[in-house]
Amino acid sequence: MCLAVPARIVELEDDRAVVDAMGNKFNAKTTLLPEVKLGDLVLVHAGFAISLVDEEEAKKTWQLISEINEYMDTDNKVSG
């Protein structure tokens, strides 16, 4: 399953960015969004920032991801 994840641009040089999603930092290309700037929230898929996203939508997605992680942790403890 592929998932696009909202992340904040914390470093930016040319079309190369370091983004932060829920404390996880990784590299992303901003080639598809030449207008982005430091601090913007973007949706990252397959290593590319594919769209800008607003703060509220990012927070909702991060909350859902957090809930899934909690469920998976609980499920693994019960079955494992």
C-alpha atoms as a PDB file:
ATOM      1  CA  MET A   1       0.000   0.000   0.000  1.00  0.00           C
ATOM      2  CA  CYS A   2       1.301   3.455  -0.894  1.00  0.00           C
ATOM      3  CA  LEU A   3       0.455   6.427   1.217  1.00  0.00           C
ATOM      4  CA  ALA A   4       1.058  10.155   0.845  1.00  0.00           C
ATOM      5  CA  VAL A   5       2.095  11.726   4.133  1.00  0.00           C
ATOM      6  CA  PRO A   6       1.905  15.370   5.183  1.00  0.00           C
ATOM      7  CA  ALA A   7       5.263  16.791   6.239  1.00  0.00           C
ATOM      8  CA  ARG A   8       6.768  20.183   7.027  1.00  0.00           C
ATOM      9  CA  ILE A   9       9.752  21.430   5.020  1.00  0.00           C
ATOM     10  CA  VAL A  10      12.556  21.985   7.544  1.00  0.00           C
ATOM     11  CA  GLU A  11      15.453  22.380   5.093  1.00  0.00           C
ATOM     12  CA  LEU A  12      15.326  23.484   1.491  1.00  0.00           C
ATOM     13  CA  GLU A  13      17.999  23.897  -1.165  1.00  0.00           C
ATOM     14  CA  ASP A  14      17.047  24.112  -4.828  1.00  0.00           C
ATOM     15  CA  ASP A  15      14.590  21.225  -5.336  1.00  0.00           C
ATOM     16  CA  ARG A  16      15.908  19.159  -2.424  1.00  0.00           C
ATOM     17  CA  ALA A  17      14.180  19.279   0.933  1.00  0.00           C
ATOM     18  CA  VAL A  18      14.345  17.637   4.303  1.00  0.00           C
ATOM     19  CA  VAL A  19      10.835  17.206   5.631  1.00  0.00           C
ATOM     20  CA  ASP A  20       9.509  16.307   9.063  1.00  0.00           C
ATOM     21  CA  ALA A  21       6.438  14.120   9.501  1.00  0.00           C
ATOM     22  CA  MET A  22       5.569  13.453  13.135  1.00  0.00           C
ATOM     23  CA  GLY A  23       9.211  13.686  14.196  1.00  0.00           C
ATOM     24  CA  ASN A  24      10.479  11.525  11.351  1.00  0.00           C
ATOM     25  CA  LYS A  25      12.804  13.403   8.996  1.00  0.00           C
ATOM     26  CA  PHE A  26      13.462  12.289   5.447  1.00  0.00           C
ATOM     27  CA  ASN A  27      14.453  13.674   2.057  1.00  0.00           C
ATOM     28  CA  ALA A  28      11.941  14.791  -0.541  1.00  0.00           C
ATOM     29  CA  LYS A  29      12.201  16.400  -3.954  1.00  0.00           C
ATOM     30  CA  THR A  30      10.213  19.576  -4.525  1.00  0.00           C
ATOM     31  CA  THR A  31      10.565  19.566  -8.318  1.00  0.00           C
ATOM     32  CA  LEU A  32       6.781  19.380  -8.759  1.00  0.00           C
ATOM     33  CA  LEU A  33       6.216  22.358  -6.429  1.00  0.00           C
ATOM     34  CA  PRO A  34       8.797  25.012  -7.301  1.00  0.00           C
ATOM     35  CA  GLU A  35       6.876  27.621  -5.254  1.00  0.00           C
ATOM     36  CA  VAL A  36       7.337  25.890  -1.872  1.00  0.00           C
ATOM     37  CA  LYS A  37       9.303  27.544   0.876  1.00  0.00           C
ATOM     38  CA  LEU A  38      10.793  26.659   4.222  1.00  0.00           C
ATOM     39  CA  GLY A  39       8.072  25.854   6.760  1.00  0.00           C
ATOM     40  CA  ASP A  40       5.429  24.875   4.195  1.00  0.00           C
ATOM     41  CA  LEU A  41       3.390  21.736   4.718  1.00  0.00           C
ATOM     42  CA  VAL A  42       3.420  19.383   1.746  1.00  0.00           C
ATOM     43  CA  LEU A  43       2.009  16.002   0.897  1.00  0.00           C
ATOM     44  CA  VAL A  44       4.892  13.606   0.172  1.00  0.00           C
ATOM     45  CA  HIS A  45       4.486  10.483  -1.948  1.00  0.00           C
ATOM     46  CA  ALA A  46       7.297   8.279  -3.217  1.00  0.00           C
ATOM     47  CA  GLY A  47       9.907  10.846  -2.240  1.00  0.00           C
ATOM     48  CA  PHE A  48       8.222  13.787  -4.005  1.00  0.00           C
ATOM     49  CA  ALA A  49       6.270  16.683  -2.557  1.00  0.00           C
ATOM     50  CA  ILE A  50       3.125  16.471  -4.677  1.00  0.00           C
ATOM     51  CA  SER A  51       0.935  19.233  -3.221  1.00  0.00           C
ATOM     52  CA  LEU A  52       0.682  21.870  -0.547  1.00  0.00           C
ATOM     53  CA  VAL A  53      -1.546  20.977   2.386  1.00  0.00           C
ATOM     54  CA  ASP A  54      -3.049  23.164   5.082  1.00  0.00           C
ATOM     55  CA  GLU A  55      -2.229  22.803   8.765  1.00  0.00           C
ATOM     56  CA  GLU A  56      -5.632  21.443   9.824  1.00  0.00           C
ATOM     57  CA  GLU A  57      -5.638  18.682   7.206  1.00  0.00           C
ATOM     58  CA  ALA A  58      -2.079  17.721   8.135  1.00  0.00           C
ATOM     59  CA  LYS A  59      -3.025  17.526  11.827  1.00  0.00           C
ATOM     60  CA  LYS A  60      -6.054  15.341  11.056  1.00  0.00           C
ATOM     61  CA  THR A  61      -3.906  12.945   9.027  1.00  0.00           C
ATOM     62  CA  TRP A  62      -1.169  12.828  11.677  1.00  0.00           C
ATOM     63  CA  GLN A  63      -3.840  12.040  14.302  1.00  0.00           C
ATOM     64  CA  LEU A  64      -5.208   9.180  12.190  1.00  0.00           C
ATOM     65  CA  ILE A  65      -1.714   7.778  11.649  1.00  0.00           C
ATOM     66  CA  SER A  66      -1.087   7.995  15.389  1.00  0.00           C
ATOM     67  CA  GLU A  67      -4.326   6.121  16.114  1.00  0.00           C
ATOM     68  CA  ILE A  68      -3.414   3.387  13.622  1.00  0.00           C
ATOM     69  CA  ASN A  69       0.019   3.042  15.243  1.00  0.00           C
ATOM     70  CA  GLU A  70      -1.561   2.755  18.702  1.00  0.00           C
ATOM     71  CA  TYR A  71      -3.988   0.119  17.442  1.00  0.00           C
ATOM     72  CA  MET A  72      -1.190  -1.856  15.783  1.00  0.00           C
ATOM     73  CA  ASP A  73       0.919  -1.697  18.964  1.00  0.00           C
ATOM     74  CA  THR A  74      -2.031  -2.883  21.080  1.00  0.00           C
ATOM     75  CA  ASP A  75      -2.957  -5.627  18.592  1.00  0.00           C
ATOM     76  CA  ASN A  76       0.636  -6.916  18.486  1.00  0.00           C
ATOM     77  CA  LYS A  77       0.797  -7.073  22.298  1.00  0.00           C
ATOM     78  CA  VAL A  78      -2.442  -9.073  22.460  1.00  0.00           C
ATOM     79  CA  SER A  79      -1.617 -11.531  19.671  1.00  0.00           C
ATOM     80  CA  GLY A  80       2.135 -11.669  20.202  1.00  0.00           C
END
